Amino acid sequence: MFTTYKEAANAQALSGVKSADPLTQPLEQARMQQDEYFKTLNQDLPEVAKVEDRLISGPAGDIPIRLVYPSLGEPTNYLIFIRGAGFWAGSLDSHARTMRTLALESGCVVCGIDYRRAPDFHFPVQRNEVIAVVEYLKSQQKNLGIHGQPVLFGESAGATIALSTAQALRDQKKNDLAGLILFYSNAGGFKPKAREYSQWVWKQYLGPSTALDDPEATPLLASVAGLPPIWQGVGADDPLITDTQKLADQLQVIGAEVQVVTYPNLPHGFLMWTGTLQPALDALKESVQVMKKFFSNKGS
């Protein structure tokens, strides 16, 4: 286990597999390369009691989900994990280590969602699929061995989808969430001065029919009042750190509790490195302690 990101990144480079670039590669080729890159971060996965894959009905067709059980026995709290990978990449396998580590550290059942990727599908498909999963899990608690209200746990693009989901549930007058754990979101949406990749990501997610400044699709352009409690974690070296700071500022303005932890010397996407980078694992563990408080406050 390395103590600095530079050490972990140097070791990762020895694999010879680099992160893909969809701006210079055909999309499917980039996805395949990104899958190979993710595999290098998911070797020697920690053992859990049970992993169960299911297909559930959704607004755009069946949605693959994965339930990770840290143990078997009495019903437990549960969290819904929403991966990042720029809306365009990733799968249930790409973040397997994160989901398993979350289950073991929290003692909760973790449900991962293989939401439909951009640009094959655009907003609001991804958000609506998460809502469908929230409703499915709520209706099947007894059968699945879970109870209470879930925490939405998102990282990067997944954190943005999680926040968008919470806003939609609020607007529907549904009090279905215990809280939000958001790692390094890009919830501020399209930025004309951002790097080219960031601009591309948002254009693929929104598609040709949604305005770049649509407040329904861009969480930080909409109201953040009336949401469940929110905790945010972000690396100090993250180029998207301003989105995390902006959400904290907006929460502060309305008098909501602001919980933000900035981790020194960590970049965007560091949570995927929990198998080799101690500060990343420590950050995940810190978020788990907050999550437990969210559940406790809900009496579940």
C-alpha atoms as a PDB file:
ATOM      1  CA  MET A   1       0.000   0.000   0.000  1.00  0.00           C
ATOM      2  CA  PHE A   2       1.508   3.314  -1.114  1.00  0.00           C
ATOM      3  CA  THR A   3       1.323   6.520   0.885  1.00  0.00           C
ATOM      4  CA  THR A   4       1.461   8.972  -2.032  1.00  0.00           C
ATOM      5  CA  TYR A   5      -0.467   9.162  -5.281  1.00  0.00           C
ATOM      6  CA  LYS A   6       2.777   9.554  -7.242  1.00  0.00           C
ATOM      7  CA  GLU A   7       4.032   6.209  -5.962  1.00  0.00           C
ATOM      8  CA  ALA A   8       0.755   4.470  -6.776  1.00  0.00           C
ATOM      9  CA  ALA A   9       0.583   6.066 -10.226  1.00  0.00           C
ATOM     10  CA  ASN A  10       4.157   5.026 -11.024  1.00  0.00           C
ATOM     11  CA  ALA A  11       3.342   1.442 -10.053  1.00  0.00           C
ATOM     12  CA  GLN A  12       0.156   1.579 -12.126  1.00  0.00           C
ATOM     13  CA  ALA A  13       2.139   2.784 -15.145  1.00  0.00           C
ATOM     14  CA  LEU A  14       4.180  -0.425 -15.056  1.00  0.00           C
ATOM     15  CA  SER A  15       1.061  -2.310 -16.151  1.00  0.00           C
ATOM     16  CA  GLY A  16       1.403  -0.639 -19.527  1.00  0.00           C
ATOM     17  CA  VAL A  17      -2.337   0.052 -19.665  1.00  0.00           C
ATOM     18  CA  LYS A  18      -3.296   3.724 -19.825  1.00  0.00           C
ATOM     19  CA  SER A  19      -6.615   5.409 -19.350  1.00  0.00           C
ATOM     20  CA  ALA A  20      -8.434   5.844 -22.671  1.00  0.00           C
ATOM     21  CA  ASP A  21      -9.042   9.111 -24.519  1.00  0.00           C
ATOM     22  CA  PRO A  22     -12.422   9.219 -26.303  1.00  0.00           C
ATOM     23  CA  LEU A  23     -11.426  12.466 -28.008  1.00  0.00           C
ATOM     24  CA  THR A  24      -8.698  10.742 -30.030  1.00  0.00           C
ATOM     25  CA  GLN A  25     -10.070   7.194 -30.240  1.00  0.00           C
ATOM     26  CA  PRO A  26     -13.268   5.693 -31.649  1.00  0.00           C
ATOM     27  CA  LEU A  27     -15.714   5.473 -28.760  1.00  0.00           C
ATOM     28  CA  GLU A  28     -15.976   1.686 -28.621  1.00  0.00           C
ATOM     29  CA  GLN A  29     -12.191   1.336 -28.792  1.00  0.00           C
ATOM     30  CA  ALA A  30     -11.876   3.856 -25.960  1.00  0.00           C
ATOM     31  CA  ARG A  31     -14.418   1.931 -23.897  1.00  0.00           C
ATOM     32  CA  MET A  32     -12.541  -1.327 -24.396  1.00  0.00           C
ATOM     33  CA  GLN A  33      -9.255   0.275 -23.409  1.00  0.00           C
ATOM     34  CA  GLN A  34     -10.881   1.886 -20.390  1.00  0.00           C
ATOM     35  CA  ASP A  35     -12.238  -1.511 -19.352  1.00  0.00           C
ATOM     36  CA  GLU A  36      -8.687  -2.907 -19.498  1.00  0.00           C
ATOM     37  CA  TYR A  37      -7.477   0.030 -17.431  1.00  0.00           C
ATOM     38  CA  PHE A  38     -10.191  -0.587 -14.841  1.00  0.00           C
ATOM     39  CA  LYS A  39      -9.176  -4.255 -14.642  1.00  0.00           C
ATOM     40  CA  THR A  40      -5.711  -3.232 -13.440  1.00  0.00           C
ATOM     41  CA  LEU A  41      -7.354  -1.407 -10.509  1.00  0.00           C
ATOM     42  CA  ASN A  42      -9.585  -4.352  -9.597  1.00  0.00           C
ATOM     43  CA  GLN A  43      -7.121  -7.179  -9.098  1.00  0.00           C
ATOM     44  CA  ASP A  44      -7.228  -9.384  -5.974  1.00  0.00           C
ATOM     45  CA  LEU A  45     -10.675  -8.212  -4.956  1.00  0.00           C
ATOM     46  CA  PRO A  46     -11.573  -8.517  -1.266  1.00  0.00           C
ATOM     47  CA  GLU A  47     -13.861 -11.419  -0.388  1.00  0.00           C
ATOM     48  CA  VAL A  48     -17.494 -10.728   0.471  1.00  0.00           C
ATOM     49  CA  ALA A  49     -20.308 -13.032   1.552  1.00  0.00           C
ATOM     50  CA  LYS A  50     -22.364 -12.822  -1.628  1.00  0.00           C
ATOM     51  CA  VAL A  51     -22.559 -10.993  -4.952  1.00  0.00           C
ATOM     52  CA  GLU A  52     -25.848 -11.123  -6.819  1.00  0.00           C
ATOM     53  CA  ASP A  53     -26.574  -9.645 -10.253  1.00  0.00           C
ATOM     54  CA  ARG A  54     -30.141  -8.815 -11.241  1.00  0.00           C
ATOM     55  CA  LEU A  55     -32.053  -7.162 -14.048  1.00  0.00           C
ATOM     56  CA  ILE A  56     -34.861  -4.825 -13.076  1.00  0.00           C
ATOM     57  CA  SER A  57     -37.364  -2.930 -15.188  1.00  0.00           C
ATOM     58  CA  GLY A  58     -36.515   0.658 -16.011  1.00  0.00           C
ATOM     59  CA  PRO A  59     -37.766   3.572 -18.105  1.00  0.00           C
ATOM     60  CA  ALA A  60     -35.438   2.740 -21.025  1.00  0.00           C
ATOM     61  CA  GLY A  61     -35.368  -1.044 -20.649  1.00  0.00           C
ATOM     62  CA  ASP A  62     -33.918  -3.479 -18.148  1.00  0.00           C
ATOM     63  CA  ILE A  63     -31.289  -2.105 -15.760  1.00  0.00           C
ATOM     64  CA  PRO A  64     -28.449  -4.376 -14.584  1.00  0.00           C
ATOM     65  CA  ILE A  65     -27.760  -4.017 -10.858  1.00  0.00           C
ATOM     66  CA  ARG A  66     -25.323  -5.775  -8.562  1.00  0.00           C
ATOM     67  CA  LEU A  67     -25.946  -6.437  -4.868  1.00  0.00           C
ATOM     68  CA  VAL A  68     -22.863  -6.908  -2.712  1.00  0.00           C
ATOM     69  CA  TYR A  69     -23.441  -8.464   0.713  1.00  0.00           C
ATOM     70  CA  PRO A  70     -20.659  -8.139   3.321  1.00  0.00           C
ATOM     71  CA  SER A  71     -22.324 -10.832   5.453  1.00  0.00           C
ATOM     72  CA  LEU A  72     -25.479 -12.924   5.576  1.00  0.00           C
ATOM     73  CA  GLY A  73     -28.018 -12.757   8.373  1.00  0.00           C
ATOM     74  CA  GLU A  74     -30.211  -9.980   9.702  1.00  0.00           C
ATOM     75  CA  PRO A  75     -31.420  -7.258   7.293  1.00  0.00           C
ATOM     76  CA  THR A  76     -29.000  -4.341   7.058  1.00  0.00           C
ATOM     77  CA  ASN A  77     -28.920  -0.761   5.848  1.00  0.00           C
ATOM     78  CA  TYR A  78     -28.016  -0.298   2.224  1.00  0.00           C
ATOM     79  CA  LEU A  79     -26.420   2.196  -0.087  1.00  0.00           C
ATOM     80  CA  ILE A  80     -26.724   2.766  -3.819  1.00  0.00           C
ATOM     81  CA  PHE A  81     -23.402   3.194  -5.585  1.00  0.00           C
ATOM     82  CA  ILE A  82     -23.308   5.302  -8.757  1.00  0.00           C
ATOM     83  CA  ARG A  83     -20.031   5.098 -10.643  1.00  0.00           C
ATOM     84  CA  GLY A  84     -18.219   7.878 -12.436  1.00  0.00           C
ATOM     85  CA  ALA A  85     -16.191   7.340 -15.638  1.00  0.00           C
ATOM     86  CA  GLY A  86     -17.425  10.437 -17.417  1.00  0.00           C
ATOM     87  CA  PHE A  87     -20.952   9.168 -18.142  1.00  0.00           C
ATOM     88  CA  TRP A  88     -19.524   7.293 -21.167  1.00  0.00           C
ATOM     89  CA  ALA A  89     -17.518   4.385 -19.708  1.00  0.00           C
ATOM     90  CA  GLY A  90     -17.544   1.834 -16.920  1.00  0.00           C
ATOM     91  CA  SER A  91     -19.733  -1.075 -15.874  1.00  0.00           C
ATOM     92  CA  LEU A  92     -20.614  -3.142 -12.814  1.00  0.00           C
ATOM     93  CA  ASP A  93     -17.096  -4.593 -12.973  1.00  0.00           C
ATOM     94  CA  SER A  94     -15.189  -1.318 -13.345  1.00  0.00           C
ATOM     95  CA  HIS A  95     -15.785  -0.268  -9.732  1.00  0.00           C
ATOM     96  CA  ALA A  96     -15.964  -3.715  -8.156  1.00  0.00           C
ATOM     97  CA  ARG A  97     -13.256  -2.945  -5.598  1.00  0.00           C
ATOM     98  CA  THR A  98     -14.979   0.239  -4.485  1.00  0.00           C
ATOM     99  CA  MET A  99     -18.309  -1.539  -4.024  1.00  0.00           C
ATOM    100  CA  ARG A 100     -16.813  -4.475  -2.146  1.00  0.00           C
ATOM    101  CA  THR A 101     -14.704  -2.256   0.088  1.00  0.00           C
ATOM    102  CA  LEU A 102     -17.723  -0.100   0.862  1.00  0.00           C
ATOM    103  CA  ALA A 103     -19.734  -3.174   1.819  1.00  0.00           C
ATOM    104  CA  LEU A 104     -17.024  -4.548   4.102  1.00  0.00           C
ATOM    105  CA  GLU A 105     -16.223  -1.220   5.765  1.00  0.00           C
ATOM    106  CA  SER A 106     -19.844  -0.207   6.308  1.00  0.00           C
ATOM    107  CA  GLY A 107     -21.466  -3.566   6.972  1.00  0.00           C
ATOM    108  CA  CYS A 108     -24.174  -2.496   4.522  1.00  0.00           C
ATOM    109  CA  VAL A 109     -25.480  -4.060   1.352  1.00  0.00           C
ATOM    110  CA  VAL A 110     -24.169  -2.129  -1.650  1.00  0.00           C
ATOM    111  CA  CYS A 111     -26.229  -1.899  -4.821  1.00  0.00           C
ATOM    112  CA  GLY A 112     -24.324  -0.877  -7.934  1.00  0.00           C
ATOM    113  CA  ILE A 113     -26.172   0.367 -11.029  1.00  0.00           C
ATOM    114  CA  ASP A 114     -25.050  -0.166 -14.604  1.00  0.00           C
ATOM    115  CA  TYR A 115     -26.824   2.922 -15.875  1.00  0.00           C
ATOM    116  CA  ARG A 116     -26.978   3.545 -19.613  1.00  0.00           C
ATOM    117  CA  ARG A 117     -23.962   5.372 -20.954  1.00  0.00           C
ATOM    118  CA  ALA A 118     -23.668   8.567 -22.939  1.00  0.00           C
ATOM    119  CA  PRO A 119     -23.775   9.382 -25.796  1.00  0.00           C
ATOM    120  CA  ASP A 120     -25.879   6.300 -26.549  1.00  0.00           C
ATOM    121  CA  PHE A 121     -28.379   7.701 -24.057  1.00  0.00           C
ATOM    122  CA  HIS A 122     -28.716  11.225 -22.713  1.00  0.00           C
ATOM    123  CA  PHE A 123     -30.059  12.924 -19.595  1.00  0.00           C
ATOM    124  CA  PRO A 124     -32.547  12.273 -18.003  1.00  0.00           C
ATOM    125  CA  VAL A 125     -32.223   8.532 -18.739  1.00  0.00           C
ATOM    126  CA  GLN A 126     -29.370   8.000 -16.257  1.00  0.00           C
ATOM    127  CA  ARG A 127     -31.091   9.908 -13.459  1.00  0.00           C
ATOM    128  CA  ASN A 128     -34.399   8.168 -14.078  1.00  0.00           C
ATOM    129  CA  GLU A 129     -32.721   4.771 -13.954  1.00  0.00           C
ATOM    130  CA  VAL A 130     -31.349   5.572 -10.511  1.00  0.00           C
ATOM    131  CA  ILE A 131     -34.837   6.626  -9.400  1.00  0.00           C
ATOM    132  CA  ALA A 132     -36.162   3.303 -10.705  1.00  0.00           C
ATOM    133  CA  VAL A 133     -33.559   1.449  -8.648  1.00  0.00           C
ATOM    134  CA  VAL A 134     -34.423   3.462  -5.527  1.00  0.00           C
ATOM    135  CA  GLU A 135     -38.078   2.505  -5.953  1.00  0.00           C
ATOM    136  CA  TYR A 136     -37.291  -1.150  -6.698  1.00  0.00           C
ATOM    137  CA  LEU A 137     -35.106  -1.588  -3.628  1.00  0.00           C
ATOM    138  CA  LYS A 138     -37.714   0.108  -1.444  1.00  0.00           C
ATOM    139  CA  SER A 139     -40.383  -2.292  -2.682  1.00  0.00           C
ATOM    140  CA  GLN A 140     -38.202  -5.405  -2.295  1.00  0.00           C
ATOM    141  CA  GLN A 141     -36.563  -4.785   1.069  1.00  0.00           C
ATOM    142  CA  LYS A 142     -37.834  -7.944   2.743  1.00  0.00           C
ATOM    143  CA  ASN A 143     -36.788 -10.172  -0.168  1.00  0.00           C
ATOM    144  CA  LEU A 144     -33.357  -8.570  -0.445  1.00  0.00           C
ATOM    145  CA  GLY A 145     -32.460  -8.506   3.244  1.00  0.00           C
ATOM    146  CA  ILE A 146     -32.271  -4.733   3.552  1.00  0.00           C
ATOM    147  CA  HIS A 147     -34.131  -2.084   5.515  1.00  0.00           C
ATOM    148  CA  GLY A 148     -34.437   1.636   6.077  1.00  0.00           C
ATOM    149  CA  GLN A 149     -33.695   4.422   3.624  1.00  0.00           C
ATOM    150  CA  PRO A 150     -30.606   4.258   1.410  1.00  0.00           C
ATOM    151  CA  VAL A 151     -27.644   6.560   1.066  1.00  0.00           C
ATOM    152  CA  LEU A 152     -26.775   7.559  -2.482  1.00  0.00           C
ATOM    153  CA  PHE A 153     -23.007   7.207  -2.915  1.00  0.00           C
ATOM    154  CA  GLY A 154     -21.630   8.724  -6.106  1.00  0.00           C
ATOM    155  CA  GLU A 155     -18.205   9.554  -7.431  1.00  0.00           C
ATOM    156  CA  SER A 156     -17.413  11.994 -10.250  1.00  0.00           C
ATOM    157  CA  ALA A 157     -20.189  11.777 -12.868  1.00  0.00           C
ATOM    158  CA  GLY A 158     -21.968   9.392 -10.502  1.00  0.00           C
ATOM    159  CA  ALA A 159     -21.975  12.050  -7.791  1.00  0.00           C
ATOM    160  CA  THR A 160     -23.609  14.435 -10.244  1.00  0.00           C
ATOM    161  CA  ILE A 161     -26.285  11.854 -11.080  1.00  0.00           C
ATOM    162  CA  ALA A 162     -26.802  11.209  -7.350  1.00  0.00           C
ATOM    163  CA  LEU A 163     -27.382  14.902  -6.645  1.00  0.00           C
ATOM    164  CA  SER A 164     -29.709  15.194  -9.636  1.00  0.00           C
ATOM    165  CA  THR A 165     -31.630  12.146  -8.380  1.00  0.00           C
ATOM    166  CA  ALA A 166     -32.025  13.646  -4.910  1.00  0.00           C
ATOM    167  CA  GLN A 167     -33.375  16.870  -6.412  1.00  0.00           C
ATOM    168  CA  ALA A 168     -35.903  14.967  -8.533  1.00  0.00           C
ATOM    169  CA  LEU A 169     -37.089  12.907  -5.559  1.00  0.00           C
ATOM    170  CA  ARG A 170     -37.444  16.114  -3.525  1.00  0.00           C
ATOM    171  CA  ASP A 171     -39.525  17.692  -6.283  1.00  0.00           C
ATOM    172  CA  GLN A 172     -41.706  14.563  -6.340  1.00  0.00           C
ATOM    173  CA  LYS A 173     -42.220  14.971  -2.577  1.00  0.00           C
ATOM    174  CA  LYS A 174     -40.523  11.633  -1.923  1.00  0.00           C
ATOM    175  CA  ASN A 175     -38.462  11.386   1.253  1.00  0.00           C
ATOM    176  CA  ASP A 176     -36.644   8.229   0.188  1.00  0.00           C
ATOM    177  CA  LEU A 177     -32.985   8.945   1.064  1.00  0.00           C
ATOM    178  CA  ALA A 178     -30.959   8.948   4.274  1.00  0.00           C
ATOM    179  CA  GLY A 179     -28.204  11.109   2.781  1.00  0.00           C
ATOM    180  CA  LEU A 180     -25.725  11.713  -0.015  1.00  0.00           C
ATOM    181  CA  ILE A 181     -22.023  10.860  -0.125  1.00  0.00           C
ATOM    182  CA  LEU A 182     -20.494  12.744  -3.049  1.00  0.00           C
ATOM    183  CA  PHE A 183     -16.880  12.359  -4.114  1.00  0.00           C
ATOM    184  CA  TYR A 184     -15.520  15.003  -6.532  1.00  0.00           C
ATOM    185  CA  SER A 185     -18.674  15.730  -8.515  1.00  0.00           C
ATOM    186  CA  ASN A 186     -18.833  17.633 -11.797  1.00  0.00           C
ATOM    187  CA  ALA A 187     -22.273  18.956 -10.878  1.00  0.00           C
ATOM    188  CA  GLY A 188     -21.539  22.465 -12.161  1.00  0.00           C
ATOM    189  CA  GLY A 189     -22.110  21.308 -15.710  1.00  0.00           C
ATOM    190  CA  PHE A 190     -20.636  22.594 -18.946  1.00  0.00           C
ATOM    191  CA  LYS A 191     -17.886  25.214 -18.631  1.00  0.00           C
ATOM    192  CA  PRO A 192     -16.715  27.042 -21.772  1.00  0.00           C
ATOM    193  CA  LYS A 193     -13.222  27.474 -20.318  1.00  0.00           C
ATOM    194  CA  ALA A 194     -12.862  23.903 -19.058  1.00  0.00           C
ATOM    195  CA  ARG A 195     -10.478  21.431 -20.675  1.00  0.00           C
ATOM    196  CA  GLU A 196     -11.705  19.901 -23.903  1.00  0.00           C
ATOM    197  CA  TYR A 197     -12.453  16.507 -22.349  1.00  0.00           C
ATOM    198  CA  SER A 198     -14.703  18.034 -19.685  1.00  0.00           C
ATOM    199  CA  GLN A 199     -16.639  19.954 -22.316  1.00  0.00           C
ATOM    200  CA  TRP A 200     -17.010  16.802 -24.421  1.00  0.00           C
ATOM    201  CA  VAL A 201     -18.271  14.789 -21.436  1.00  0.00           C
ATOM    202  CA  TRP A 202     -21.088  17.213 -20.732  1.00  0.00           C
ATOM    203  CA  LYS A 203     -22.117  17.534 -24.368  1.00  0.00           C
ATOM    204  CA  GLN A 204     -22.383  13.738 -24.664  1.00  0.00           C
ATOM    205  CA  TYR A 205     -24.427  13.507 -21.471  1.00  0.00           C
ATOM    206  CA  LEU A 206     -26.859  16.301 -22.365  1.00  0.00           C
ATOM    207  CA  GLY A 207     -27.216  15.447 -26.055  1.00  0.00           C
ATOM    208  CA  PRO A 208     -28.513  17.752 -28.777  1.00  0.00           C
ATOM    209  CA  SER A 209     -31.937  18.362 -27.224  1.00  0.00           C
ATOM    210  CA  THR A 210     -30.917  19.653 -23.793  1.00  0.00           C
ATOM    211  CA  ALA A 211     -29.517  23.160 -23.307  1.00  0.00           C
ATOM    212  CA  LEU A 212     -26.046  23.408 -21.790  1.00  0.00           C
ATOM    213  CA  ASP A 213     -27.491  25.542 -18.993  1.00  0.00           C
ATOM    214  CA  ASP A 214     -30.594  23.431 -18.314  1.00  0.00           C
ATOM    215  CA  PRO A 215     -31.045  23.571 -14.502  1.00  0.00           C
ATOM    216  CA  GLU A 216     -32.818  20.206 -14.412  1.00  0.00           C
ATOM    217  CA  ALA A 217     -29.765  18.505 -15.913  1.00  0.00           C
ATOM    218  CA  THR A 218     -27.124  20.575 -14.106  1.00  0.00           C
ATOM    219  CA  PRO A 219     -27.621  20.200 -10.346  1.00  0.00           C
ATOM    220  CA  LEU A 220     -25.775  23.357  -9.301  1.00  0.00           C
ATOM    221  CA  LEU A 221     -28.035  25.482 -11.507  1.00  0.00           C
ATOM    222  CA  ALA A 222     -31.076  24.218  -9.597  1.00  0.00           C
ATOM    223  CA  SER A 223     -32.129  24.664  -5.971  1.00  0.00           C
ATOM    224  CA  VAL A 224     -30.224  22.661  -3.355  1.00  0.00           C
ATOM    225  CA  ALA A 225     -32.785  23.389  -0.642  1.00  0.00           C
ATOM    226  CA  GLY A 226     -34.748  20.585   0.971  1.00  0.00           C
ATOM    227  CA  LEU A 227     -32.227  17.840   0.226  1.00  0.00           C
ATOM    228  CA  PRO A 228     -31.061  15.043   2.521  1.00  0.00           C
ATOM    229  CA  PRO A 229     -27.788  15.667   4.395  1.00  0.00           C
ATOM    230  CA  ILE A 230     -24.773  15.864   2.072  1.00  0.00           C
ATOM    231  CA  TRP A 231     -21.105  15.023   2.662  1.00  0.00           C
ATOM    232  CA  GLN A 232     -18.482  15.809   0.032  1.00  0.00           C
ATOM    233  CA  GLY A 233     -14.921  14.583  -0.443  1.00  0.00           C
ATOM    234  CA  VAL A 234     -12.498  15.958  -3.042  1.00  0.00           C
ATOM    235  CA  GLY A 235      -8.792  15.914  -3.814  1.00  0.00           C
ATOM    236  CA  ALA A 236      -6.873  19.168  -3.491  1.00  0.00           C
ATOM    237  CA  ASP A 237      -5.375  18.571  -6.958  1.00  0.00           C
ATOM    238  CA  ASP A 238      -8.733  17.962  -8.652  1.00  0.00           C
ATOM    239  CA  PRO A 239      -9.306  20.303 -11.629  1.00  0.00           C
ATOM    240  CA  LEU A 240     -13.044  20.109 -10.898  1.00  0.00           C
ATOM    241  CA  ILE A 241     -12.733  21.082  -7.228  1.00  0.00           C
ATOM    242  CA  THR A 242     -14.685  24.289  -7.840  1.00  0.00           C
ATOM    243  CA  ASP A 243     -17.884  22.264  -8.326  1.00  0.00           C
ATOM    244  CA  THR A 244     -17.489  20.770  -4.844  1.00  0.00           C
ATOM    245  CA  GLN A 245     -16.809  24.214  -3.402  1.00  0.00           C
ATOM    246  CA  LYS A 246     -19.770  25.752  -5.203  1.00  0.00           C
ATOM    247  CA  LEU A 247     -22.192  23.191  -3.782  1.00  0.00           C
ATOM    248  CA  ALA A 248     -20.812  23.838  -0.304  1.00  0.00           C
ATOM    249  CA  ASP A 249     -21.286  27.594  -0.809  1.00  0.00           C
ATOM    250  CA  GLN A 250     -24.859  27.117  -1.983  1.00  0.00           C
ATOM    251  CA  LEU A 251     -25.684  24.952   1.021  1.00  0.00           C
ATOM    252  CA  GLN A 252     -24.134  27.497   3.361  1.00  0.00           C
ATOM    253  CA  VAL A 253     -26.205  30.321   1.873  1.00  0.00           C
ATOM    254  CA  ILE A 254     -29.471  28.507   2.669  1.00  0.00           C
ATOM    255  CA  GLY A 255     -28.295  27.576   6.165  1.00  0.00           C
ATOM    256  CA  ALA A 256     -27.828  23.861   5.516  1.00  0.00           C
ATOM    257  CA  GLU A 257     -25.028  21.955   7.199  1.00  0.00           C
ATOM    258  CA  VAL A 258     -21.876  21.959   5.071  1.00  0.00           C
ATOM    259  CA  GLN A 259     -19.636  18.908   5.229  1.00  0.00           C
ATOM    260  CA  VAL A 260     -16.602  18.983   2.927  1.00  0.00           C
ATOM    261  CA  VAL A 261     -13.252  17.265   3.285  1.00  0.00           C
ATOM    262  CA  THR A 262     -10.392  18.216   0.961  1.00  0.00           C
ATOM    263  CA  TYR A 263      -7.677  15.577   0.717  1.00  0.00           C
ATOM    264  CA  PRO A 264      -4.122  16.855   0.127  1.00  0.00           C
ATOM    265  CA  ASN A 265      -2.167  15.760  -2.943  1.00  0.00           C
ATOM    266  CA  LEU A 266      -4.981  13.692  -4.439  1.00  0.00           C
ATOM    267  CA  PRO A 267      -6.354  14.112  -7.987  1.00  0.00           C
ATOM    268  CA  HIS A 268      -9.751  13.507  -9.524  1.00  0.00           C
ATOM    269  CA  GLY A 269     -10.878   9.894  -9.389  1.00  0.00           C
ATOM    270  CA  PHE A 270      -8.681   8.832  -6.487  1.00  0.00           C
ATOM    271  CA  LEU A 271     -11.323   6.598  -4.901  1.00  0.00           C
ATOM    272  CA  MET A 272     -10.614   3.876  -7.454  1.00  0.00           C
ATOM    273  CA  TRP A 273      -7.136   3.468  -5.966  1.00  0.00           C
ATOM    274  CA  THR A 274      -8.198   2.078  -2.581  1.00  0.00           C
ATOM    275  CA  GLY A 275      -6.351  -1.172  -3.313  1.00  0.00           C
ATOM    276  CA  THR A 276      -2.937   0.491  -3.583  1.00  0.00           C
ATOM    277  CA  LEU A 277      -3.170   3.999  -2.121  1.00  0.00           C
ATOM    278  CA  GLN A 278      -3.627   4.373   1.633  1.00  0.00           C
ATOM    279  CA  PRO A 279      -4.971   7.974   1.556  1.00  0.00           C
ATOM    280  CA  ALA A 280      -7.698   6.837  -0.854  1.00  0.00           C
ATOM    281  CA  LEU A 281      -8.696   3.994   1.448  1.00  0.00           C
ATOM    282  CA  ASP A 282      -8.641   6.354   4.425  1.00  0.00           C
ATOM    283  CA  ALA A 283     -10.960   8.750   2.580  1.00  0.00           C
ATOM    284  CA  LEU A 284     -13.410   5.967   1.820  1.00  0.00           C
ATOM    285  CA  LYS A 285     -13.361   4.895   5.466  1.00  0.00           C
ATOM    286  CA  GLU A 286     -14.006   8.473   6.573  1.00  0.00           C
ATOM    287  CA  SER A 287     -17.038   8.688   4.302  1.00  0.00           C
ATOM    288  CA  VAL A 288     -18.340   5.411   5.733  1.00  0.00           C
ATOM    289  CA  GLN A 289     -18.323   6.864   9.236  1.00  0.00           C
ATOM    290  CA  VAL A 290     -20.416   9.785   8.007  1.00  0.00           C
ATOM    291  CA  MET A 291     -22.752   7.381   6.243  1.00  0.00           C
ATOM    292  CA  LYS A 292     -23.325   5.491   9.477  1.00  0.00           C
ATOM    293  CA  LYS A 293     -24.377   8.774  11.108  1.00  0.00           C
ATOM    294  CA  PHE A 294     -26.834   9.394   8.269  1.00  0.00           C
ATOM    295  CA  PHE A 295     -28.412   6.011   8.945  1.00  0.00           C
ATOM    296  CA  SER A 296     -28.430   6.590  12.693  1.00  0.00           C
ATOM    297  CA  ASN A 297     -30.126   9.952  12.303  1.00  0.00           C
ATOM    298  CA  LYS A 298     -32.856   8.255  10.286  1.00  0.00           C
ATOM    299  CA  GLY A 299     -33.304   5.701  13.049  1.00  0.00           C
ATOM    300  CA  SER A 300     -32.481   2.828  10.751  1.00  0.00           C
END
